[in-house]
Structures are given as C-alpha cells and as structure tokens.
Amino acid sequence: MSHVVQIKTQVRDAAAVRAGCSRLGLDAPVEGEVKLFSETVTGLAVRLKDWRYPVVFDTTTGESKFDNYQGRWGRQDRLDEFLQAYAVEKTKIEAGRKGYSVAEQRLADGSIKVSLLVGGAS
C-alpha cells in the first residue's frame, strides 16, 4: 500500500545535515557563531552555492536563520534543494535504524520519491 506524505522540514539532525551537504557537493557544515548581514547567530552553518551568507540551523529548535536579501544574495531554490536533500537523508538514516530498505526516484519536477521497503511491501 502506498502512502503520500508532505513534510514541513525542521532541521534537527546534524548527521543528516552533513549527509545533505555531501549529497549536494557542498562544504561540510560548521558549528558556531556566524555573522549574517545584520546579526550574529549560533548554530550549524551551511554554505549554499552562490549565497553570500550561510544558512544557520538551530538543531535544538529546528529553526533556520538566513539573509538572502529577498533573493539578491542567494536564490530560494538553493535552500529548497538543500532542505529536500536533508529530508531524504534524514529519512534514510531513520529507515536504516529500523532495518528498512530505501529506494529513491527523482521525478520530472525535481522532487524525489522515497520508498521504504518494510516486510516485503513498499
């Protein structure tokens, strides 16, 4: 039986952040204080391609902070791409902990279909 799930992503798992960065060919995230344009924030910083400032994730609350100046300092689709990679990697980590197999399929619209194999049914 198939189930479709829509997820609002909260970034709470540093291992999945690292895996998402690796998946996209980004530098490894760095924990610490980061200066954005108008404030200094603390968390796990990810440098997205062509972004002036990193995105900083508070893995305790799941919140993200960034300043892309309404797209002038970084395209929103780069953040969306990272959040998708994070969500897929987090799903793979959790599935692995439960002994499930995971299959991915990239769809024509750029989204990724993730299927879990649980006891012979996906």
PDB file of N, CA and C in Angstrom:
ATOM      1  N   MET A   1       0.845  -1.169   0.000  1.00  0.00           N
ATOM      2  CA  MET A   1       0.000   0.000   0.000  1.00  0.00           C
ATOM      3  C   MET A   1       0.892   1.234   0.000  1.00  0.00           C
ATOM      4  N   SER A   2       0.565   2.202  -0.816  1.00  0.00           N
ATOM      5  CA  SER A   2       1.350   3.420  -0.951  1.00  0.00           C
ATOM      6  C   SER A   2       0.755   4.531  -0.091  1.00  0.00           C
ATOM      7  N   HIS A   3       1.641   5.326   0.492  1.00  0.00           N
ATOM      8  CA  HIS A   3       1.211   6.476   1.293  1.00  0.00           C
ATOM      9  C   HIS A   3       2.003   7.687   0.833  1.00  0.00           C
ATOM     10  N   VAL A   4       1.314   8.790   0.580  1.00  0.00           N
ATOM     11  CA  VAL A   4       1.963  10.031   0.187  1.00  0.00           C
ATOM     12  C   VAL A   4       1.984  10.946   1.402  1.00  0.00           C
ATOM     13  N   VAL A   5       3.159  11.494   1.706  1.00  0.00           N
ATOM     14  CA  VAL A   5       3.327  12.343   2.875  1.00  0.00           C
ATOM     15  C   VAL A   5       3.957  13.652   2.438  1.00  0.00           C
ATOM     16  N   GLN A   6       3.424  14.763   2.924  1.00  0.00           N
ATOM     17  CA  GLN A   6       4.049  16.067   2.700  1.00  0.00           C
ATOM     18  C   GLN A   6       4.661  16.497   4.026  1.00  0.00           C
ATOM     19  N   ILE A   7       5.902  16.956   3.979  1.00  0.00           N
ATOM     20  CA  ILE A   7       6.643  17.243   5.203  1.00  0.00           C
ATOM     21  C   ILE A   7       7.084  18.698   5.223  1.00  0.00           C
ATOM     22  N   LYS A   8       6.835  19.386   6.357  1.00  0.00           N
ATOM     23  CA  LYS A   8       7.435  20.691   6.594  1.00  0.00           C
ATOM     24  C   LYS A   8       8.733  20.408   7.342  1.00  0.00           C
ATOM     25  N   THR A   9       9.833  20.770   6.758  1.00  0.00           N
ATOM     26  CA  THR A   9      11.131  20.351   7.269  1.00  0.00           C
ATOM     27  C   THR A   9      11.630  21.232   8.405  1.00  0.00           C
ATOM     28  N   GLN A  10      11.902  20.606   9.544  1.00  0.00           N
ATOM     29  CA  GLN A  10      12.638  21.225  10.639  1.00  0.00           C
ATOM     30  C   GLN A  10      13.985  20.522  10.675  1.00  0.00           C
ATOM     31  N   VAL A  11      15.047  21.294  10.723  1.00  0.00           N
ATOM     32  CA  VAL A  11      16.394  20.720  10.663  1.00  0.00           C
ATOM     33  C   VAL A  11      16.906  20.530  12.087  1.00  0.00           C
ATOM     34  N   ARG A  12      16.967  19.248  12.529  1.00  0.00           N
ATOM     35  CA  ARG A  12      17.346  18.924  13.898  1.00  0.00           C
ATOM     36  C   ARG A  12      18.483  17.898  13.995  1.00  0.00           C
ATOM     37  N   ASP A  13      18.868  17.294  12.885  1.00  0.00           N
ATOM     38  CA  ASP A  13      19.839  16.195  12.912  1.00  0.00           C
ATOM     39  C   ASP A  13      21.119  16.604  12.183  1.00  0.00           C
ATOM     40  N   ALA A  14      22.189  16.792  12.953  1.00  0.00           N
ATOM     41  CA  ALA A  14      23.463  17.237  12.373  1.00  0.00           C
ATOM     42  C   ALA A  14      24.021  16.222  11.380  1.00  0.00           C
ATOM     43  N   ALA A  15      23.839  14.928  11.646  1.00  0.00           N
ATOM     44  CA  ALA A  15      24.338  13.904  10.719  1.00  0.00           C
ATOM     45  C   ALA A  15      23.623  14.003   9.376  1.00  0.00           C
ATOM     46  N   ALA A  16      22.325  14.263   9.395  1.00  0.00           N
ATOM     47  CA  ALA A  16      21.568  14.411   8.151  1.00  0.00           C
ATOM     48  C   ALA A  16      21.950  15.705   7.432  1.00  0.00           C
ATOM     49  N   VAL A  17      22.301  16.749   8.191  1.00  0.00           N
ATOM     50  CA  VAL A  17      22.790  17.992   7.572  1.00  0.00           C
ATOM     51  C   VAL A  17      24.098  17.703   6.834  1.00  0.00           C
ATOM     52  N   ARG A  18      25.016  16.999   7.494  1.00  0.00           N
ATOM     53  CA  ARG A  18      26.289  16.647   6.852  1.00  0.00           C
ATOM     54  C   ARG A  18      26.049  15.805   5.603  1.00  0.00           C
ATOM     55  N   ALA A  19      25.137  14.839   5.697  1.00  0.00           N
ATOM     56  CA  ALA A  19      24.835  13.978   4.546  1.00  0.00           C
ATOM     57  C   ALA A  19      24.195  14.779   3.413  1.00  0.00           C
ATOM     58  N   GLY A  20      23.330  15.717   3.757  1.00  0.00           N
ATOM     59  CA  GLY A  20      22.716  16.574   2.739  1.00  0.00           C
ATOM     60  C   GLY A  20      23.750  17.435   2.033  1.00  0.00           C
ATOM     61  N   CYS A  21      24.693  17.968   2.800  1.00  0.00           N
ATOM     62  CA  CYS A  21      25.776  18.758   2.206  1.00  0.00           C
ATOM     63  C   CYS A  21      26.608  17.897   1.271  1.00  0.00           C
ATOM     64  N   SER A  22      26.964  16.707   1.705  1.00  0.00           N
ATOM     65  CA  SER A  22      27.753  15.796   0.886  1.00  0.00           C
ATOM     66  C   SER A  22      27.003  15.445  -0.393  1.00  0.00           C
ATOM     67  N   ARG A  23      25.738  15.167  -0.269  1.00  0.00           N
ATOM     68  CA  ARG A  23      24.901  14.807  -1.413  1.00  0.00           C
ATOM     69  C   ARG A  23      24.908  15.894  -2.488  1.00  0.00           C
ATOM     70  N   LEU A  24      24.932  17.163  -2.054  1.00  0.00           N
ATOM     71  CA  LEU A  24      24.894  18.287  -2.986  1.00  0.00           C
ATOM     72  C   LEU A  24      26.276  18.822  -3.352  1.00  0.00           C
ATOM     73  N   GLY A  25      27.328  18.202  -2.813  1.00  0.00           N
ATOM     74  CA  GLY A  25      28.680  18.648  -3.115  1.00  0.00           C
ATOM     75  C   GLY A  25      29.045  19.950  -2.424  1.00  0.00           C
ATOM     76  N   LEU A  26      28.403  20.226  -1.281  1.00  0.00           N
ATOM     77  CA  LEU A  26      28.689  21.440  -0.515  1.00  0.00           C
ATOM     78  C   LEU A  26      29.773  21.164   0.516  1.00  0.00           C
ATOM     79  N   ASP A  27      30.410  22.231   0.995  1.00  0.00           N
ATOM     80  CA  ASP A  27      31.366  22.084   2.087  1.00  0.00           C
ATOM     81  C   ASP A  27      30.649  21.554   3.318  1.00  0.00           C
ATOM     82  N   ALA A  28      31.390  20.877   4.176  1.00  0.00           N
ATOM     83  CA  ALA A  28      30.822  20.363   5.425  1.00  0.00           C
ATOM     84  C   ALA A  28      30.301  21.519   6.270  1.00  0.00           C
ATOM     85  N   PRO A  29      29.200  21.323   6.987  1.00  0.00           N
ATOM     86  CA  PRO A  29      28.676  22.381   7.850  1.00  0.00           C
ATOM     87  C   PRO A  29      29.620  22.648   9.011  1.00  0.00           C
ATOM     88  N   VAL A  30      29.528  23.867   9.553  1.00  0.00           N
ATOM     89  CA  VAL A  30      30.391  24.281  10.659  1.00  0.00           C
ATOM     90  C   VAL A  30      29.514  24.762  11.811  1.00  0.00           C
ATOM     91  N   GLU A  31      29.799  24.253  13.000  1.00  0.00           N
ATOM     92  CA  GLU A  31      29.057  24.655  14.202  1.00  0.00           C
ATOM     93  C   GLU A  31      29.715  25.883  14.804  1.00  0.00           C
ATOM     94  N   GLY A  32      28.900  26.876  15.204  1.00  0.00           N
ATOM     95  CA  GLY A  32      29.452  28.038  15.881  1.00  0.00           C
ATOM     96  C   GLY A  32      28.678  29.309  15.619  1.00  0.00           C
ATOM     97  N   GLU A  33      29.319  30.439  15.958  1.00  0.00           N
ATOM     98  CA  GLU A  33      28.740  31.758  15.730  1.00  0.00           C
ATOM     99  C   GLU A  33      29.003  32.190  14.301  1.00  0.00           C
ATOM    100  N   VAL A  34      27.969  32.759  13.669  1.00  0.00           N
ATOM    101  CA  VAL A  34      28.080  33.184  12.280  1.00  0.00           C
ATOM    102  C   VAL A  34      27.493  34.580  12.149  1.00  0.00           C
ATOM    103  N   LYS A  35      28.205  35.437  11.446  1.00  0.00           N
ATOM    104  CA  LYS A  35      27.729  36.797  11.183  1.00  0.00           C
ATOM    105  C   LYS A  35      26.916  36.795   9.901  1.00  0.00           C
ATOM    106  N   LEU A  36      25.632  37.119  10.027  1.00  0.00           N
ATOM    107  CA  LEU A  36      24.806  37.370   8.863  1.00  0.00           C
ATOM    108  C   LEU A  36      24.898  38.859   8.586  1.00  0.00           C
ATOM    109  N   PHE A  37      24.114  39.404   7.693  1.00  0.00           N
ATOM    110  CA  PHE A  37      24.244  40.817   7.359  1.00  0.00           C
ATOM    111  C   PHE A  37      24.038  41.710   8.580  1.00  0.00           C
ATOM    112  N   SER A  38      22.943  41.476   9.306  1.00  0.00           N
ATOM    113  CA  SER A  38      22.596  42.408  10.385  1.00  0.00           C
ATOM    114  C   SER A  38      22.638  41.802  11.780  1.00  0.00           C
ATOM    115  N   GLU A  39      22.987  40.539  11.913  1.00  0.00           N
ATOM    116  CA  GLU A  39      23.049  39.939  13.242  1.00  0.00           C
ATOM    117  C   GLU A  39      24.004  38.757  13.257  1.00  0.00           C
ATOM    118  N   THR A  40      24.392  38.378  14.458  1.00  0.00           N
ATOM    119  CA  THR A  40      25.223  37.200  14.659  1.00  0.00           C
ATOM    120  C   THR A  40      24.342  36.122  15.268  1.00  0.00           C
ATOM    121  N   VAL A  41      24.399  34.923  14.695  1.00  0.00           N
ATOM    122  CA  VAL A  41      23.590  33.808  15.172  1.00  0.00           C
ATOM    123  C   VAL A  41      24.496  32.614  15.441  1.00  0.00           C
ATOM    124  N   THR A  42      23.975  31.681  16.229  1.00  0.00           N
ATOM    125  CA  THR A  42      24.733  30.488  16.589  1.00  0.00           C
ATOM    126  C   THR A  42      23.987  29.257  16.105  1.00  0.00           C
ATOM    127  N   GLY A  43      24.728  28.310  15.558  1.00  0.00           N
ATOM    128  CA  GLY A  43      24.120  27.065  15.116  1.00  0.00           C
ATOM    129  C   GLY A  43      25.017  26.346  14.139  1.00  0.00           C
ATOM    130  N   LEU A  44      24.414  25.494  13.344  1.00  0.00           N
ATOM    131  CA  LEU A  44      25.118  24.705  12.345  1.00  0.00           C
ATOM    132  C   LEU A  44      24.996  25.436  11.003  1.00  0.00           C
ATOM    133  N   ALA A  45      26.117  25.964  10.521  1.00  0.00           N
ATOM    134  CA  ALA A  45      26.121  26.816   9.332  1.00  0.00           C
ATOM    135  C   ALA A  45      26.411  26.009   8.071  1.00  0.00           C
ATOM    136  N   VAL A  46      25.566  26.228   7.053  1.00  0.00           N
ATOM    137  CA  VAL A  46      25.712  25.569   5.753  1.00  0.00           C
ATOM    138  C   VAL A  46      25.882  26.645   4.692  1.00  0.00           C
ATOM    139  N   ARG A  47      26.931  26.519   3.915  1.00  0.00           N
ATOM    140  CA  ARG A  47      27.184  27.455   2.809  1.00  0.00           C
ATOM    141  C   ARG A  47      26.567  26.890   1.535  1.00  0.00           C
ATOM    142  N   LEU A  48      25.503  27.522   1.080  1.00  0.00           N
ATOM    143  CA  LEU A  48      24.841  27.106  -0.149  1.00  0.00           C
ATOM    144  C   LEU A  48      25.531  27.730  -1.360  1.00  0.00           C
ATOM    145  N   LYS A  49      25.426  27.076  -2.484  1.00  0.00           N
ATOM    146  CA  LYS A  49      26.042  27.571  -3.713  1.00  0.00           C
ATOM    147  C   LYS A  49      25.485  28.955  -4.061  1.00  0.00           C
ATOM    148  N   ASP A  50      26.407  29.889  -4.312  1.00  0.00           N
ATOM    149  CA  ASP A  50      26.088  31.257  -4.743  1.00  0.00           C
ATOM    150  C   ASP A  50      25.356  32.091  -3.700  1.00  0.00           C
ATOM    151  N   TRP A  51      25.403  31.701  -2.432  1.00  0.00           N
ATOM    152  CA  TRP A  51      24.805  32.508  -1.367  1.00  0.00           C
ATOM    153  C   TRP A  51      25.892  33.341  -0.701  1.00  0.00           C
ATOM    154  N   ARG A  52      25.606  34.602  -0.432  1.00  0.00           N
ATOM    155  CA  ARG A  52      26.574  35.483   0.219  1.00  0.00           C
ATOM    156  C   ARG A  52      26.803  35.072   1.674  1.00  0.00           C
ATOM    157  N   TYR A  53      25.734  34.717   2.373  1.00  0.00           N
ATOM    158  CA  TYR A  53      25.824  34.314   3.780  1.00  0.00           C
ATOM    159  C   TYR A  53      25.325  32.876   3.928  1.00  0.00           C
ATOM    160  N   PRO A  54      25.815  32.162   4.938  1.00  0.00           N
ATOM    161  CA  PRO A  54      25.334  30.787   5.139  1.00  0.00           C
ATOM    162  C   PRO A  54      23.921  30.767   5.719  1.00  0.00           C
ATOM    163  N   VAL A  55      23.305  29.616   5.638  1.00  0.00           N
ATOM    164  CA  VAL A  55      22.065  29.330   6.366  1.00  0.00           C
ATOM    165  C   VAL A  55      22.499  28.692   7.670  1.00  0.00           C
ATOM    166  N   VAL A  56      21.913  29.133   8.775  1.00  0.00           N
ATOM    167  CA  VAL A  56      22.311  28.623  10.087  1.00  0.00           C
ATOM    168  C   VAL A  56      21.122  27.916  10.725  1.00  0.00           C
ATOM    169  N   PHE A  57      21.331  26.665  11.093  1.00  0.00           N
ATOM    170  CA  PHE A  57      20.269  25.846  11.662  1.00  0.00           C
ATOM    171  C   PHE A  57      20.486  25.677  13.162  1.00  0.00           C
ATOM    172  N   ASP A  58      19.433  25.919  13.929  1.00  0.00           N
ATOM    173  CA  ASP A  58      19.434  25.631  15.357  1.00  0.00           C
ATOM    174  C   ASP A  58      18.849  24.230  15.488  1.00  0.00           C
ATOM    175  N   THR A  59      19.691  23.233  15.698  1.00  0.00           N
ATOM    176  CA  THR A  59      19.223  21.856  15.716  1.00  0.00           C
ATOM    177  C   THR A  59      18.417  21.518  16.973  1.00  0.00           C
ATOM    178  N   THR A  60      18.394  22.414  17.954  1.00  0.00           N
ATOM    179  CA  THR A  60      17.554  22.209  19.132  1.00  0.00           C
ATOM    180  C   THR A  60      16.103  22.554  18.812  1.00  0.00           C
ATOM    181  N   THR A  61      15.892  23.671  18.127  1.00  0.00           N
ATOM    182  CA  THR A  61      14.532  24.130  17.814  1.00  0.00           C
ATOM    183  C   THR A  61      14.068  23.723  16.419  1.00  0.00           C
ATOM    184  N   GLY A  62      15.022  23.398  15.538  1.00  0.00           N
ATOM    185  CA  GLY A  62      14.685  23.075  14.152  1.00  0.00           C
ATOM    186  C   GLY A  62      14.590  24.286  13.249  1.00  0.00           C
ATOM    187  N   GLU A  63      14.772  25.472  13.808  1.00  0.00           N
ATOM    188  CA  GLU A  63      14.630  26.715  13.043  1.00  0.00           C
ATOM    189  C   GLU A  63      15.877  27.016  12.214  1.00  0.00           C
ATOM    190  N   SER A  64      15.651  27.765  11.134  1.00  0.00           N
ATOM    191  CA  SER A  64      16.766  28.211  10.308  1.00  0.00           C
ATOM    192  C   SER A  64      16.780  29.729  10.254  1.00  0.00           C
ATOM    193  N   LYS A  65      17.988  30.285  10.161  1.00  0.00           N
ATOM    194  CA  LYS A  65      18.156  31.731  10.012  1.00  0.00           C
ATOM    195  C   LYS A  65      19.060  31.975   8.827  1.00  0.00           C
ATOM    196  N   PHE A  66      18.678  32.952   8.016  1.00  0.00           N
ATOM    197  CA  PHE A  66      19.485  33.294   6.852  1.00  0.00           C
ATOM    198  C   PHE A  66      19.108  34.683   6.386  1.00  0.00           C
ATOM    199  N   ASP A  67      19.975  35.256   5.586  1.00  0.00           N
ATOM    200  CA  ASP A  67      19.697  36.548   4.964  1.00  0.00           C
ATOM    201  C   ASP A  67      20.097  36.444   3.501  1.00  0.00           C
ATOM    202  N   ASN A  68      19.114  36.292   2.651  1.00  0.00           N
ATOM    203  CA  ASN A  68      19.399  36.235   1.210  1.00  0.00           C
ATOM    204  C   ASN A  68      18.884  37.495   0.508  1.00  0.00           C
ATOM    205  N   TYR A  69      18.493  38.504   1.284  1.00  0.00           N
ATOM    206  CA  TYR A  69      18.049  39.801   0.763  1.00  0.00           C
ATOM    207  C   TYR A  69      17.036  39.619  -0.358  1.00  0.00           C
ATOM    208  N   GLN A  70      15.993  38.863  -0.009  1.00  0.00           N
ATOM    209  CA  GLN A  70      14.880  38.582  -0.932  1.00  0.00           C
ATOM    210  C   GLN A  70      15.369  38.023  -2.267  1.00  0.00           C
ATOM    211  N   GLY A  71      16.360  37.165  -2.207  1.00  0.00           N
ATOM    212  CA  GLY A  71      16.869  36.502  -3.407  1.00  0.00           C
ATOM    213  C   GLY A  71      18.059  37.166  -4.060  1.00  0.00           C
ATOM    214  N   ARG A  72      18.395  38.371  -3.646  1.00  0.00           N
ATOM    215  CA  ARG A  72      19.535  39.066  -4.264  1.00  0.00           C
ATOM    216  C   ARG A  72      20.875  38.471  -3.820  1.00  0.00           C
ATOM    217  N   TRP A  73      20.913  37.920  -2.597  1.00  0.00           N
ATOM    218  CA  TRP A  73      22.158  37.356  -2.070  1.00  0.00           C
ATOM    219  C   TRP A  73      22.134  35.833  -2.056  1.00  0.00           C
ATOM    220  N   GLY A  74      21.120  35.248  -2.640  1.00  0.00           N
ATOM    221  CA  GLY A  74      21.016  33.796  -2.701  1.00  0.00           C
ATOM    222  C   GLY A  74      19.624  33.383  -3.139  1.00  0.00           C
ATOM    223  N   ARG A  75      19.566  32.485  -4.103  1.00  0.00           N
ATOM    224  CA  ARG A  75      18.276  32.047  -4.644  1.00  0.00           C
ATOM    225  C   ARG A  75      17.584  31.079  -3.682  1.00  0.00           C
ATOM    226  N   GLN A  76      16.290  31.277  -3.493  1.00  0.00           N
ATOM    227  CA  GLN A  76      15.497  30.424  -2.608  1.00  0.00           C
ATOM    228  C   GLN A  76      15.548  28.957  -3.040  1.00  0.00           C
ATOM    229  N   ASP A  77      15.621  28.710  -4.342  1.00  0.00           N
ATOM    230  CA  ASP A  77      15.620  27.323  -4.798  1.00  0.00           C
ATOM    231  C   ASP A  77      16.851  26.550  -4.312  1.00  0.00           C
ATOM    232  N   ARG A  78      17.952  27.243  -4.015  1.00  0.00           N
ATOM    233  CA  ARG A  78      19.134  26.555  -3.457  1.00  0.00           C
ATOM    234  C   ARG A  78      18.827  26.063  -2.030  1.00  0.00           C
ATOM    235  N   LEU A  79      18.109  26.881  -1.254  1.00  0.00           N
ATOM    236  CA  LEU A  79      17.708  26.456   0.089  1.00  0.00           C
ATOM    237  C   LEU A  79      16.702  25.312  -0.009  1.00  0.00           C
ATOM    238  N   ASP A  80      15.754  25.427  -0.914  1.00  0.00           N
ATOM    239  CA  ASP A  80      14.762  24.364  -1.106  1.00  0.00           C
ATOM    240  C   ASP A  80      15.443  23.045  -1.479  1.00  0.00           C
ATOM    241  N   GLU A  81      16.445  23.132  -2.355  1.00  0.00           N
ATOM    242  CA  GLU A  81      17.197  21.949  -2.768  1.00  0.00           C
ATOM    243  C   GLU A  81      17.903  21.312  -1.566  1.00  0.00           C
ATOM    244  N   PHE A  82      18.500  22.157  -0.710  1.00  0.00           N
ATOM    245  CA  PHE A  82      19.165  21.619   0.476  1.00  0.00           C
ATOM    246  C   PHE A  82      18.156  20.963   1.419  1.00  0.00           C
ATOM    247  N   LEU A  83      17.026  21.620   1.658  1.00  0.00           N
ATOM    248  CA  LEU A  83      16.018  21.060   2.569  1.00  0.00           C
ATOM    249  C   LEU A  83      15.491  19.726   2.053  1.00  0.00           C
ATOM    250  N   GLN A  84      15.353  19.604   0.741  1.00  0.00           N
ATOM    251  CA  GLN A  84      14.936  18.330   0.154  1.00  0.00           C
ATOM    252  C   GLN A  84      16.006  17.269   0.397  1.00  0.00           C
ATOM    253  N   ALA A  85      17.273  17.617   0.166  1.00  0.00           N
ATOM    254  CA  ALA A  85      18.369  16.670   0.393  1.00  0.00           C
ATOM    255  C   ALA A  85      18.421  16.261   1.860  1.00  0.00           C
ATOM    256  N   TYR A  86      18.255  17.236   2.761  1.00  0.00           N
ATOM    257  CA  TYR A  86      18.244  16.939   4.197  1.00  0.00           C
ATOM    258  C   TYR A  86      17.122  15.955   4.525  1.00  0.00           C
ATOM    259  N   ALA A  87      15.921  16.226   4.018  1.00  0.00           N
ATOM    260  CA  ALA A  87      14.771  15.377   4.324  1.00  0.00           C
ATOM    261  C   ALA A  87      14.980  13.946   3.818  1.00  0.00           C
ATOM    262  N   VAL A  88      15.535  13.802   2.630  1.00  0.00           N
ATOM    263  CA  VAL A  88      15.800  12.463   2.092  1.00  0.00           C
ATOM    264  C   VAL A  88      16.845  11.758   2.945  1.00  0.00           C
ATOM    265  N   GLU A  89      17.922  12.457   3.288  1.00  0.00           N
ATOM    266  CA  GLU A  89      18.980  11.841   4.090  1.00  0.00           C
ATOM    267  C   GLU A  89      18.487  11.494   5.497  1.00  0.00           C
ATOM    268  N   LYS A  90      17.670  12.325   6.087  1.00  0.00           N
ATOM    269  CA  LYS A  90      17.105  12.044   7.413  1.00  0.00           C
ATOM    270  C   LYS A  90      16.204  10.812   7.344  1.00  0.00           C
ATOM    271  N   THR A  91      15.414  10.719   6.281  1.00  0.00           N
ATOM    272  CA  THR A  91      14.555   9.554   6.091  1.00  0.00           C
ATOM    273  C   THR A  91      15.389   8.280   5.970  1.00  0.00           C
ATOM    274  N   LYS A  92      16.484   8.343   5.205  1.00  0.00           N
ATOM    275  CA  LYS A  92      17.356   7.182   5.036  1.00  0.00           C
ATOM    276  C   LYS A  92      17.989   6.765   6.362  1.00  0.00           C
ATOM    277  N   ILE A  93      18.409   7.756   7.167  1.00  0.00           N
ATOM    278  CA  ILE A  93      19.004   7.450   8.474  1.00  0.00           C
ATOM    279  C   ILE A  93      17.994   6.747   9.368  1.00  0.00           C
ATOM    280  N   GLU A  94      16.788   7.291   9.457  1.00  0.00           N
ATOM    281  CA  GLU A  94      15.767   6.713  10.331  1.00  0.00           C
ATOM    282  C   GLU A  94      15.314   5.341   9.831  1.00  0.00           C
ATOM    283  N   ALA A  95      15.178   5.196   8.518  1.00  0.00           N
ATOM    284  CA  ALA A  95      14.791   3.902   7.956  1.00  0.00           C
ATOM    285  C   ALA A  95      15.850   2.847   8.265  1.00  0.00           C
ATOM    286  N   GLY A  96      17.116   3.243   8.126  1.00  0.00           N
ATOM    287  CA  GLY A  96      18.213   2.320   8.426  1.00  0.00           C
ATOM    288  C   GLY A  96      18.198   1.864   9.877  1.00  0.00           C
ATOM    289  N   ARG A  97      17.845   2.771  10.783  1.00  0.00           N
ATOM    290  CA  ARG A  97      17.780   2.417  12.211  1.00  0.00           C
ATOM    291  C   ARG A  97      16.711   1.361  12.478  1.00  0.00           C
ATOM    292  N   LYS A  98      15.679   1.361  11.649  1.00  0.00           N
ATOM    293  CA  LYS A  98      14.589   0.402  11.825  1.00  0.00           C
ATOM    294  C   LYS A  98      14.745  -0.834  10.945  1.00  0.00           C
ATOM    295  N   GLY A  99      15.844  -0.872  10.172  1.00  0.00           N
ATOM    296  CA  GLY A  99      16.103  -2.026   9.333  1.00  0.00           C
ATOM    297  C   GLY A  99      15.346  -2.023   8.017  1.00  0.00           C
ATOM    298  N   TYR A 100      14.809  -0.892   7.612  1.00  0.00           N
ATOM    299  CA  TYR A 100      14.073  -0.796   6.350  1.00  0.00           C
ATOM    300  C   TYR A 100      15.027  -0.516   5.203  1.00  0.00           C
ATOM    301  N   SER A 101      14.660  -0.956   4.016  1.00  0.00           N
ATOM    302  CA  SER A 101      15.392  -0.619   2.796  1.00  0.00           C
ATOM    303  C   SER A 101      14.774   0.648   2.209  1.00  0.00           C
ATOM    304  N   VAL A 102      15.602   1.437   1.512  1.00  0.00           N
ATOM    305  CA  VAL A 102      15.154   2.700   0.942  1.00  0.00           C
ATOM    306  C   VAL A 102      15.473   2.727  -0.544  1.00  0.00           C
ATOM    307  N   ALA A 103      14.511   3.186  -1.329  1.00  0.00           N
ATOM    308  CA  ALA A 103      14.731   3.400  -2.760  1.00  0.00           C
ATOM    309  C   ALA A 103      14.341   4.838  -3.078  1.00  0.00           C
ATOM    310  N   GLU A 104      15.129   5.477  -3.940  1.00  0.00           N
ATOM    311  CA  GLU A 104      14.851   6.856  -4.358  1.00  0.00           C
ATOM    312  C   GLU A 104      14.582   6.890  -5.845  1.00  0.00           C
ATOM    313  N   GLN A 105      13.707   7.809  -6.225  1.00  0.00           N
ATOM    314  CA  GLN A 105      13.457   8.046  -7.645  1.00  0.00           C
ATOM    315  C   GLN A 105      13.279   9.541  -7.846  1.00  0.00           C
ATOM    316  N   ARG A 106      14.132  10.132  -8.684  1.00  0.00           N
ATOM    317  CA  ARG A 106      13.994  11.555  -8.996  1.00  0.00           C
ATOM    318  C   ARG A 106      12.876  11.706 -10.010  1.00  0.00           C
ATOM    319  N   LEU A 107      11.939  12.596  -9.733  1.00  0.00           N
ATOM    320  CA  LEU A 107      10.796  12.819 -10.604  1.00  0.00           C
ATOM    321  C   LEU A 107      11.064  13.982 -11.557  1.00  0.00           C
ATOM    322  N   ALA A 108      10.275  14.065 -12.603  1.00  0.00           N
ATOM    323  CA  ALA A 108      10.471  15.068 -13.655  1.00  0.00           C
ATOM    324  C   ALA A 108      10.432  16.496 -13.121  1.00  0.00           C
ATOM    325  N   ASP A 109       9.660  16.725 -12.053  1.00  0.00           N
ATOM    326  CA  ASP A 109       9.547  18.077 -11.500  1.00  0.00           C
ATOM    327  C   ASP A 109      10.682  18.430 -10.540  1.00  0.00           C
ATOM    328  N   GLY A 110      11.652  17.513 -10.375  1.00  0.00           N
ATOM    329  CA  GLY A 110      12.788  17.758  -9.489  1.00  0.00           C
ATOM    330  C   GLY A 110      12.607  17.214  -8.090  1.00  0.00           C
ATOM    331  N   SER A 111      11.403  16.804  -7.748  1.00  0.00           N
ATOM    332  CA  SER A 111      11.181  16.220  -6.429  1.00  0.00           C
ATOM    333  C   SER A 111      11.753  14.800  -6.404  1.00  0.00           C
ATOM    334  N   ILE A 112      11.838  14.253  -5.209  1.00  0.00           N
ATOM    335  CA  ILE A 112      12.388  12.906  -5.046  1.00  0.00           C
ATOM    336  C   ILE A 112      11.344  12.042  -4.361  1.00  0.00           C
ATOM    337  N   LYS A 113      11.038  10.920  -4.983  1.00  0.00           N
ATOM    338  CA  LYS A 113      10.136   9.942  -4.390  1.00  0.00           C
ATOM    339  C   LYS A 113      10.992   8.976  -3.585  1.00  0.00           C
ATOM    340  N   VAL A 114      10.679   8.848  -2.314  1.00  0.00           N
ATOM    341  CA  VAL A 114      11.400   7.933  -1.431  1.00  0.00           C
ATOM    342  C   VAL A 114      10.442   6.808  -1.053  1.00  0.00           C
ATOM    343  N   SER A 115      10.864   5.584  -1.306  1.00  0.00           N
ATOM    344  CA  SER A 115      10.047   4.427  -0.954  1.00  0.00           C
ATOM    345  C   SER A 115      10.792   3.604   0.083  1.00  0.00           C
ATOM    346  N   LEU A 116      10.051   3.161   1.093  1.00  0.00           N
ATOM    347  CA  LEU A 116      10.620   2.309   2.135  1.00  0.00           C
ATOM    348  C   LEU A 116      10.093   0.896   1.952  1.00  0.00           C
ATOM    349  N   LEU A 117      10.984  -0.071   2.049  1.00  0.00           N
ATOM    350  CA  LEU A 117      10.605  -1.469   1.951  1.00  0.00           C
ATOM    351  C   LEU A 117      10.528  -2.025   3.364  1.00  0.00           C
ATOM    352  N   VAL A 118       9.288  -2.347   3.773  1.00  0.00           N
ATOM    353  CA  VAL A 118       9.037  -2.817   5.129  1.00  0.00           C
ATOM    354  C   VAL A 118       8.378  -4.184   5.048  1.00  0.00           C
ATOM    355  N   GLY A 119       9.082  -5.206   5.419  1.00  0.00           N
ATOM    356  CA  GLY A 119       8.496  -6.535   5.461  1.00  0.00           C
ATOM    357  C   GLY A 119       7.896  -7.015   4.150  1.00  0.00           C
ATOM    358  N   GLY A 120       8.510  -6.663   3.020  1.00  0.00           N
ATOM    359  CA  GLY A 120       8.057  -7.168   1.737  1.00  0.00           C
ATOM    360  C   GLY A 120       7.084  -6.278   1.002  1.00  0.00           C
ATOM    361  N   ALA A 121       6.668  -5.140   1.597  1.00  0.00           N
ATOM    362  CA  ALA A 121       5.751  -4.219   0.890  1.00  0.00           C
ATOM    363  C   ALA A 121       6.344  -2.834   0.888  1.00  0.00           C
ATOM    364  N   SER A 122       6.162  -2.097  -0.204  1.00  0.00           N
ATOM    365  CA  SER A 122       6.667  -0.725  -0.238  1.00  0.00           C
ATOM    366  C   SER A 122       5.538   0.242  -0.457  1.00  0.00           C
TER     367      SER A 122
END
